């Protein structure tokens, strides 16, 4: 072989070996920890595929986990500095110290503030001056009940009308369950967040004059607690949801899908799942939140996509989030997932939800209408950075009443002391 030719080949090979790793390093891999209520992970993947096609230097891996992983394991990972680059979270204020401020990294911070408005406050840590941008709500959720309308029809019982109270709805659902042989009349997710809407409707104040949680002597809060415990004592609610879930969140969506419960207190995020899982098995509807003496309110909320402060690629995280925040992209995500948009521009333009289901369309309309009647205390509680403490204490102590470990008086005292101790530890 010609020596000069051999040297040339060697130089080409060395050059190729040098270039290939550099080319591989040009693509930044981002990981997002994500959970699904319905098809939103599938829709997100489709949107990110388009993003990657236009941005070949960024690759996004979606790590889909169970919701309890988000609640229980993700906080530990974040505290240890071992979290992902982005995450979908619901404990908005409780994890806020771990979020990445992208206000200086996005193309137009004012666009973000105009688009997401007051919901940006839900993700700001306590020491933020009010200008930081830490993520976006992937959807606005509203808590409220679902009803198996077919069972009501079979029982010949009329649906309670506008202004119906919690007592009215539970009495009607119990009558339906007895008439149709349905195992349970009513169910509610095992979480203090889901219980908060009924509590506020029944008069709960939650906050004292200093703006801190104080349920001491809060008769509205006690009324809610006694109502939920009473359902268990009467055997009209599935015991396993609250009494069989250990220390974690639990939902009753399987019971509703399987038509073993007449009325189910959950929220708007279930629409997509119910549309898929129930199909034409029975007619299901969302109904306005039942009333109490103080209000007829649910709780606002939702999940947020946030950047994680420890990421090694903050600029790339901001680019991904900037893309997902664009009105047309966000609107498509909402339309395909059947989520109520938290994006002002998308909401104003109107979302053409992609569903042929009359039940799904009607339910979305009901939940959208509920936004306008949410009580001020519900908004205050949702935006409170330490709301997870009171929600978890409510869940755990009421469960102890249900299983006979505490009296109601003891449980209410423990809920307050749990909150006070957690706040003292935090400070």
Protein backbone atom coordinates (compact mmCIF):
# COMPACT_ATOMS: atom_id res chain seq x y z
CA UNK A 1 0.00 0.00 0.00
CA UNK A 2 1.23 3.47 -0.84
CA UNK A 3 2.61 5.03 2.33
CA UNK A 4 1.07 8.43 1.59
CA UNK A 5 -2.32 6.79 0.94
CA UNK A 6 -2.06 4.84 4.20
CA UNK A 7 -1.28 7.99 6.17
CA UNK A 8 -4.26 9.73 4.58
CA UNK A 9 -6.57 6.88 5.53
CA UNK A 10 -5.24 6.95 9.07
CA UNK A 11 -5.85 10.70 9.31
CA UNK A 12 -9.42 10.29 8.03
CA UNK A 13 -10.07 7.52 10.55
CA UNK A 14 -8.65 9.60 13.40
CA UNK A 15 -10.68 12.60 12.31
CA UNK A 16 -13.87 10.51 12.19
CA UNK A 17 -13.16 9.09 15.63
CA UNK A 18 -12.67 12.61 16.93
CA UNK A 19 -15.79 14.06 15.31
CA UNK A 20 -18.33 11.34 16.17
CA UNK A 21 -18.28 11.80 19.97
CA UNK A 22 -18.58 15.55 19.54
CA UNK A 23 -21.61 15.07 17.30
CA UNK A 24 -23.17 12.76 19.86
CA UNK A 25 -22.58 15.33 22.60
CA UNK A 26 -24.43 17.94 20.58
CA UNK A 27 -27.71 16.27 21.49
CA UNK A 28 -28.75 17.06 25.06
CA UNK A 29 -30.99 14.45 26.67
CA UNK A 30 -33.62 15.77 29.06
CA UNK A 31 -35.72 13.55 31.29
CA UNK A 32 -39.20 14.40 32.52
CA UNK A 33 -40.93 12.47 35.31
CA UNK A 34 -44.58 12.25 34.34
CA UNK A 35 -47.80 10.59 35.43
CA UNK A 36 -51.01 10.03 33.48
CA UNK A 37 -54.67 10.44 34.33
CA UNK A 38 -55.70 9.54 30.79
CA UNK A 39 -54.00 9.93 27.42
CA UNK A 40 -51.95 13.04 28.19
CA UNK A 41 -48.60 11.24 28.13
CA UNK A 42 -49.34 9.96 24.65
CA UNK A 43 -50.29 13.46 23.48
CA UNK A 44 -47.20 14.97 25.09
CA UNK A 45 -44.98 12.45 23.31
CA UNK A 46 -46.52 13.39 19.98
CA UNK A 47 -45.95 17.10 20.61
CA UNK A 48 -42.36 16.52 21.75
CA UNK A 49 -41.64 14.44 18.66
CA UNK A 50 -42.45 17.52 16.59
CA UNK A 51 -40.29 19.65 18.84
CA UNK A 52 -37.35 17.28 18.47
CA UNK A 53 -37.72 17.29 14.69
CA UNK A 54 -37.27 21.07 14.72
CA UNK A 55 -34.68 21.00 17.51
CA UNK A 56 -32.38 18.04 16.81
CA UNK A 57 -29.98 19.15 19.55
CA UNK A 58 -32.52 18.22 22.26
CA UNK A 59 -33.99 14.81 23.05
CA UNK A 60 -36.72 14.47 25.71
CA UNK A 61 -37.32 11.16 27.48
CA UNK A 62 -40.65 10.78 29.30
CA UNK A 63 -40.42 8.57 32.38
CA UNK A 64 -44.03 7.69 33.17
CA UNK A 65 -44.65 6.67 36.78
CA UNK A 66 -47.62 6.03 39.05
CA UNK A 67 -49.12 9.08 40.71
CA UNK A 68 -48.03 7.88 44.17
CA UNK A 69 -44.42 8.04 42.95
CA UNK A 70 -44.94 11.74 42.25
CA UNK A 71 -46.32 12.23 45.76
CA UNK A 72 -43.95 10.06 47.73
CA UNK A 73 -40.69 9.39 45.88
CA UNK A 74 -40.12 12.46 43.73
CA UNK A 75 -39.77 14.80 46.76
CA UNK A 76 -37.05 12.55 48.16
CA UNK A 77 -35.23 12.53 44.81
CA UNK A 78 -35.41 16.30 44.57
CA UNK A 79 -34.06 16.80 48.09
CA UNK A 80 -31.19 14.46 47.31
CA UNK A 81 -30.34 16.34 44.11
CA UNK A 82 -31.18 13.26 42.04
CA UNK A 83 -34.33 14.51 40.36
CA UNK A 84 -35.11 14.74 36.64
CA UNK A 85 -34.75 17.82 34.46
CA UNK A 86 -38.51 18.42 34.48
CA UNK A 87 -41.45 16.93 36.33
CA UNK A 88 -45.22 16.97 36.41
CA UNK A 89 -46.26 17.80 39.97
CA UNK A 90 -49.39 18.56 41.98
CA UNK A 91 -47.82 19.60 45.31
CA UNK A 92 -47.17 22.96 43.72
CA UNK A 93 -46.11 25.03 46.72
CA UNK A 94 -44.68 22.22 48.79
CA UNK A 95 -41.94 21.45 46.26
CA UNK A 96 -41.42 25.04 45.09
CA UNK A 97 -37.88 25.36 46.50
CA UNK A 98 -36.79 22.73 43.96
CA UNK A 99 -38.08 24.50 40.84
CA UNK A 100 -36.03 26.19 38.16
CA UNK A 101 -36.76 29.88 37.55
CA UNK A 102 -37.00 30.19 33.76
CA UNK A 103 -38.04 33.86 33.69
CA UNK A 104 -34.63 34.91 32.28
CA UNK A 105 -34.40 31.93 29.93
CA UNK A 106 -37.71 31.97 28.02
CA UNK A 107 -38.11 34.05 24.88
CA UNK A 108 -40.83 36.33 26.30
CA UNK A 109 -41.48 36.34 30.04
CA UNK A 110 -44.37 38.78 29.66
CA UNK A 111 -46.12 36.28 27.38
CA UNK A 112 -45.90 33.70 30.16
CA UNK A 113 -47.27 36.12 32.75
CA UNK A 114 -50.15 37.12 30.50
CA UNK A 115 -50.91 33.52 29.54
CA UNK A 116 -50.80 31.88 32.96
CA UNK A 117 -51.67 34.80 35.25
CA UNK A 118 -52.26 34.05 38.90
CA UNK A 119 -51.53 30.34 38.61
CA UNK A 120 -47.82 31.23 38.39
CA UNK A 121 -48.08 32.23 42.08
CA UNK A 122 -48.94 28.65 42.98
CA UNK A 123 -45.43 27.53 41.99
CA UNK A 124 -43.38 30.39 43.46
CA UNK A 125 -41.24 29.69 46.55
CA UNK A 126 -41.80 31.86 49.60
CA UNK A 127 -38.70 34.01 48.97
CA UNK A 128 -39.64 34.90 45.38
CA UNK A 129 -40.41 38.57 44.73
CA UNK A 130 -43.35 37.74 42.49
CA UNK A 131 -41.56 37.84 39.13
CA UNK A 132 -40.19 34.30 38.89
CA UNK A 133 -41.58 31.78 36.44
CA UNK A 134 -41.18 28.19 37.57
CA UNK A 135 -43.52 26.23 35.34
CA UNK A 136 -46.96 26.08 33.80
CA UNK A 137 -50.18 24.37 34.70
CA UNK A 138 -50.72 21.55 32.22
CA UNK A 139 -54.41 21.93 32.98
CA UNK A 140 -56.76 23.65 35.37
CA UNK A 141 -58.75 21.16 37.37
CA UNK A 142 -61.94 21.59 39.33
CA UNK A 143 -63.13 19.10 41.90
CA UNK A 144 -66.72 17.97 41.68
CA UNK A 145 -68.99 14.93 41.57
CA UNK A 146 -69.87 12.44 38.88
CA UNK A 147 -73.18 10.59 38.86
CA UNK A 148 -74.28 7.34 37.22
CA UNK A 149 -77.38 8.75 35.49
CA UNK A 150 -78.44 5.32 34.26
CA UNK A 151 -78.84 4.10 37.84
CA UNK A 152 -80.95 7.16 38.70
CA UNK A 153 -83.17 6.40 35.70
CA UNK A 154 -83.49 2.73 36.60
CA UNK A 155 -84.44 3.64 40.16
CA UNK A 156 -86.97 6.23 39.02
CA UNK A 157 -85.32 8.86 41.20
CA UNK A 158 -85.00 12.43 39.96
CA UNK A 159 -81.61 14.09 39.98
CA UNK A 160 -81.43 16.83 42.62
CA UNK A 161 -81.68 20.22 40.98
CA UNK A 162 -79.83 23.52 41.22
CA UNK A 163 -78.87 24.47 44.76
CA UNK A 164 -79.15 20.91 46.08
CA UNK A 165 -77.18 20.30 49.26
CA UNK A 166 -74.79 17.53 50.17
CA UNK A 167 -77.56 16.01 52.27
CA UNK A 168 -79.90 16.10 49.25
CA UNK A 169 -77.42 14.36 46.97
CA UNK A 170 -76.40 11.69 49.48
CA UNK A 171 -80.05 10.94 50.30
CA UNK A 172 -80.94 10.62 46.60
CA UNK A 173 -77.88 8.48 45.85
CA UNK A 174 -78.66 6.21 48.80
CA UNK A 175 -82.21 5.77 47.52
CA UNK A 176 -80.86 4.87 44.08
CA UNK A 177 -78.35 2.40 45.49
CA UNK A 178 -81.03 0.64 47.52
CA UNK A 179 -83.47 0.52 44.61
CA UNK A 180 -80.95 -0.88 42.12
CA UNK A 181 -78.89 -3.12 44.38
CA UNK A 182 -75.78 -1.01 43.82
CA UNK A 183 -73.21 -1.67 46.57
CA UNK A 184 -72.46 1.95 47.42
CA UNK A 185 -74.20 5.30 47.24
CA UNK A 186 -71.26 7.71 47.40
CA UNK A 187 -67.46 7.79 47.31
CA UNK A 188 -64.77 10.43 47.60
CA UNK A 189 -61.06 10.26 46.81
CA UNK A 190 -58.83 9.72 49.84
CA UNK A 191 -57.19 13.13 50.00
CA UNK A 192 -57.66 16.30 52.00
CA UNK A 193 -57.75 18.27 48.77
CA UNK A 194 -60.92 16.51 47.62
CA UNK A 195 -62.49 16.98 51.03
CA UNK A 196 -61.73 20.70 51.08
CA UNK A 197 -64.49 21.71 48.65
CA UNK A 198 -67.26 20.13 50.75
CA UNK A 199 -65.62 21.54 53.90
CA UNK A 200 -65.62 25.11 52.57
CA UNK A 201 -69.20 24.69 51.34
CA UNK A 202 -70.17 23.61 54.85
CA UNK A 203 -68.51 26.70 56.30
CA UNK A 204 -64.84 25.82 56.87
CA UNK A 205 -62.59 28.87 57.06
CA UNK A 206 -59.23 27.03 57.22
CA UNK A 207 -57.29 30.29 57.87
CA UNK A 208 -57.01 32.56 60.89
CA UNK A 209 -56.56 36.34 60.75
CA UNK A 210 -52.78 35.93 60.41
CA UNK A 211 -53.23 33.84 57.27
CA UNK A 212 -52.13 30.55 58.80
CA UNK A 213 -54.08 27.30 58.92
CA UNK A 214 -56.25 27.06 62.00
CA UNK A 215 -59.09 24.54 62.19
CA UNK A 216 -59.49 24.81 65.97
CA UNK A 217 -63.18 25.27 66.54
CA UNK A 218 -63.85 25.36 62.78
CA UNK A 219 -67.38 23.95 62.71
CA UNK A 220 -67.47 23.79 58.91
CA UNK A 221 -64.36 21.60 58.88
CA UNK A 222 -65.87 19.38 61.58
CA UNK A 223 -69.11 19.06 59.58
CA UNK A 224 -67.16 17.80 56.55
CA UNK A 225 -65.22 15.33 58.70
CA UNK A 226 -68.37 14.02 60.35
CA UNK A 227 -70.08 13.68 56.96
CA UNK A 228 -67.31 11.52 55.46
CA UNK A 229 -66.94 9.41 58.60
CA UNK A 230 -70.72 9.04 58.69
CA UNK A 231 -70.75 7.58 55.18
CA UNK A 232 -68.41 4.86 56.40
CA UNK A 233 -70.42 4.19 59.53
CA UNK A 234 -73.57 3.85 57.43
CA UNK A 235 -71.84 1.49 54.97
CA UNK A 236 -72.79 3.60 51.95
CA UNK A 237 -69.20 4.18 50.79
CA UNK A 238 -66.47 1.67 49.87
CA UNK A 239 -64.35 1.14 52.98
CA UNK A 240 -61.21 0.18 51.03
CA UNK A 241 -60.75 3.65 49.52
CA UNK A 242 -60.09 5.38 52.85
CA UNK A 243 -59.54 2.48 55.20
CA UNK A 244 -57.47 0.24 52.97
CA UNK A 245 -54.92 2.52 51.29
CA UNK A 246 -52.19 2.70 53.90
CA UNK A 247 -50.67 6.15 54.08
CA UNK A 248 -51.21 7.17 50.50
CA UNK A 249 -53.65 8.79 48.14
CA UNK A 250 -56.41 6.58 46.78
CA UNK A 251 -59.15 7.16 44.23
CA UNK A 252 -62.53 5.52 43.67
CA UNK A 253 -62.49 5.77 39.89
CA UNK A 254 -62.48 1.98 39.46
CA UNK A 255 -65.61 1.71 41.59
CA UNK A 256 -67.37 4.34 39.49
CA UNK A 257 -66.27 2.79 36.20
CA UNK A 258 -67.53 -0.59 37.39
CA UNK A 259 -70.90 0.94 38.40
CA UNK A 260 -70.57 -0.08 42.04
CA UNK A 261 -71.05 3.48 43.31
CA UNK A 262 -73.80 5.94 42.37
CA UNK A 263 -72.09 9.28 43.07
CA UNK A 264 -68.34 9.89 43.05
CA UNK A 265 -66.62 13.07 44.28
CA UNK A 266 -63.44 13.53 42.24
CA UNK A 267 -62.70 16.09 39.53
CA UNK A 268 -62.37 17.22 35.95
CA UNK A 269 -59.18 15.25 35.23
CA UNK A 270 -61.25 12.06 35.16
CA UNK A 271 -63.24 13.05 32.05
CA UNK A 272 -60.80 11.58 29.54
CA UNK A 273 -60.42 8.35 31.49
CA UNK A 274 -64.16 7.89 31.95
CA UNK A 275 -64.74 8.60 28.29
CA UNK A 276 -62.38 5.76 27.38
CA UNK A 277 -63.17 3.24 30.10
CA UNK A 278 -66.93 3.56 30.46
CA UNK A 279 -67.81 3.95 26.79
CA UNK A 280 -71.50 3.22 26.36
CA UNK A 281 -71.77 0.92 29.39
CA UNK A 282 -73.91 3.52 31.17
CA UNK A 283 -74.71 7.22 31.06
CA UNK A 284 -72.45 9.25 33.32
CA UNK A 285 -72.63 12.95 34.04
CA UNK A 286 -70.75 15.60 35.99
CA UNK A 287 -72.95 17.70 38.26
CA UNK A 288 -72.38 21.08 39.97
CA UNK A 289 -70.84 20.93 43.41
CA UNK A 290 -73.46 20.38 46.11
CA UNK A 291 -74.15 23.29 48.42
CA UNK A 292 -73.70 23.91 52.09
CA UNK A 293 -74.70 26.90 54.18
CA UNK A 294 -71.59 28.82 53.08
CA UNK A 295 -70.98 27.96 49.41
CA UNK A 296 -71.42 25.49 46.55
CA UNK A 297 -67.75 25.12 45.75
CA UNK A 298 -65.14 22.65 44.67
CA UNK A 299 -61.39 23.20 44.74
CA UNK A 300 -59.28 24.56 41.91
CA UNK A 301 -56.03 22.83 41.20
CA UNK A 302 -54.24 20.89 38.56
CA UNK A 303 -50.86 19.58 37.62
CA UNK A 304 -47.89 21.67 36.60
CA UNK A 305 -44.89 20.97 34.41
CA UNK A 306 -41.89 22.47 36.16
CA UNK A 307 -38.20 22.65 35.53
CA UNK A 308 -35.96 21.26 38.26
CA UNK A 309 -33.36 23.65 39.69
CA UNK A 310 -30.61 21.01 39.75
CA UNK A 311 -30.77 20.34 36.01
CA UNK A 312 -27.50 20.60 34.14
CA UNK A 313 -29.34 21.99 31.10
CA UNK A 314 -31.49 24.95 32.18
CA UNK A 315 -31.48 26.64 28.75
CA UNK A 316 -32.70 23.49 27.03
CA UNK A 317 -35.40 22.97 29.67
CA UNK A 318 -36.63 26.51 29.05
CA UNK A 319 -36.76 25.90 25.29
CA UNK A 320 -38.94 22.82 25.75
CA UNK A 321 -41.27 24.62 28.12
CA UNK A 322 -41.42 27.66 25.85
CA UNK A 323 -42.58 25.41 23.04
CA UNK A 324 -45.27 23.72 25.11
CA UNK A 325 -46.51 27.10 26.36
CA UNK A 326 -47.24 28.42 22.86
CA UNK A 327 -50.96 28.96 22.44
CA UNK A 328 -51.50 26.64 19.49
CA UNK A 329 -49.45 23.84 21.09
CA UNK A 330 -51.12 24.23 24.47
CA UNK A 331 -54.58 24.38 22.86
CA UNK A 332 -53.93 21.12 21.01
CA UNK A 333 -52.80 19.45 24.24
CA UNK A 334 -56.02 20.58 25.98
CA UNK A 335 -58.25 19.58 23.07
CA UNK A 336 -56.82 16.07 22.78
CA UNK A 337 -56.58 15.37 26.53
CA UNK A 338 -60.00 16.86 27.39
CA UNK A 339 -58.42 19.15 29.97
CA UNK A 340 -59.67 22.58 31.02
CA UNK A 341 -56.96 25.02 29.89
CA UNK A 342 -55.05 27.16 32.38
CA UNK A 343 -53.70 29.23 29.45
CA UNK A 344 -55.59 32.53 29.10
CA UNK A 345 -55.02 32.82 25.36
CA UNK A 346 -56.09 29.26 24.65
CA UNK A 347 -59.15 29.61 26.86
CA UNK A 348 -60.19 32.89 25.23
CA UNK A 349 -59.82 31.44 21.74
CA UNK A 350 -61.95 28.47 22.76
CA UNK A 351 -60.94 24.83 22.90
CA UNK A 352 -62.52 22.47 20.41
CA UNK A 353 -62.33 19.32 22.49
CA UNK A 354 -61.67 16.24 20.37
CA UNK A 355 -64.44 13.92 21.46
CA UNK A 356 -67.55 12.39 19.96
CA UNK A 357 -68.84 11.63 23.44
CA UNK A 358 -71.81 13.69 24.54
CA UNK A 359 -71.06 12.71 28.14
CA UNK A 360 -67.49 14.01 27.96
CA UNK A 361 -68.48 17.26 26.25
CA UNK A 362 -71.26 17.91 28.76
CA UNK A 363 -68.98 17.13 31.73
CA UNK A 364 -66.35 19.55 30.48
CA UNK A 365 -69.04 22.20 30.19
CA UNK A 366 -70.16 21.62 33.78
CA UNK A 367 -66.63 21.86 35.16
CA UNK A 368 -65.86 24.97 33.10
CA UNK A 369 -68.98 26.63 34.52
CA UNK A 370 -67.82 25.75 38.05
CA UNK A 371 -64.75 27.97 37.69
CA UNK A 372 -66.94 31.05 38.08
CA UNK A 373 -68.50 29.92 41.38
CA UNK A 374 -65.37 28.79 43.21
CA UNK A 375 -65.20 30.28 46.69
CA UNK A 376 -62.39 32.71 47.59
CA UNK A 377 -61.22 30.42 50.40
CA UNK A 378 -60.77 27.63 47.85
CA UNK A 379 -58.41 29.80 45.80
CA UNK A 380 -56.57 30.91 48.93
CA UNK A 381 -56.11 27.33 50.07
CA UNK A 382 -54.93 26.13 46.66
CA UNK A 383 -52.33 28.91 46.50
CA UNK A 384 -51.13 28.35 50.07
CA UNK A 385 -47.57 26.97 49.86
CA UNK A 386 -48.06 24.59 52.80
CA UNK A 387 -51.45 23.19 51.82
CA UNK A 388 -50.03 19.70 51.40
CA UNK A 389 -49.44 19.55 55.15
CA UNK A 390 -53.10 20.15 56.03
CA UNK A 391 -54.32 17.93 53.19
CA UNK A 392 -52.20 14.99 54.32
CA UNK A 393 -53.07 15.48 57.99
CA UNK A 394 -56.77 15.56 57.09
CA UNK A 395 -56.43 12.35 55.11
CA UNK A 396 -54.46 10.47 57.73
CA UNK A 397 -56.37 11.50 60.86
CA UNK A 398 -59.83 10.99 59.35
CA UNK A 399 -58.71 7.54 58.28
CA UNK A 400 -57.83 6.82 61.91
CA UNK A 401 -61.35 7.83 62.93
CA UNK A 402 -62.83 5.57 60.25
CA UNK A 403 -60.85 2.54 61.44
CA UNK A 404 -61.55 3.28 65.10
CA UNK A 405 -58.11 4.44 66.24
CA UNK A 406 -59.16 8.00 67.15
CA UNK A 407 -62.30 9.82 68.18
CA UNK A 408 -63.39 12.78 66.10
CA UNK A 409 -62.26 15.25 68.79
CA UNK A 410 -58.86 13.57 68.98
CA UNK A 411 -58.52 13.60 65.20
CA UNK A 412 -59.28 17.32 64.90
CA UNK A 413 -56.75 18.09 67.61
CA UNK A 414 -54.14 15.91 65.89
CA UNK A 415 -54.76 17.55 62.49
CA UNK A 416 -54.00 20.96 63.98
CA UNK A 417 -50.99 19.72 65.94
CA UNK A 418 -49.65 17.90 62.85
CA UNK A 419 -49.77 21.17 60.95
CA UNK A 420 -48.24 23.22 63.77
CA UNK A 421 -45.40 20.76 64.27
CA UNK A 422 -44.63 20.58 60.56
CA UNK A 423 -44.53 24.37 60.32
CA UNK A 424 -42.28 24.62 63.36
CA UNK A 425 -39.92 22.05 61.86
CA UNK A 426 -39.92 23.83 58.52
CA UNK A 427 -39.05 27.17 60.09
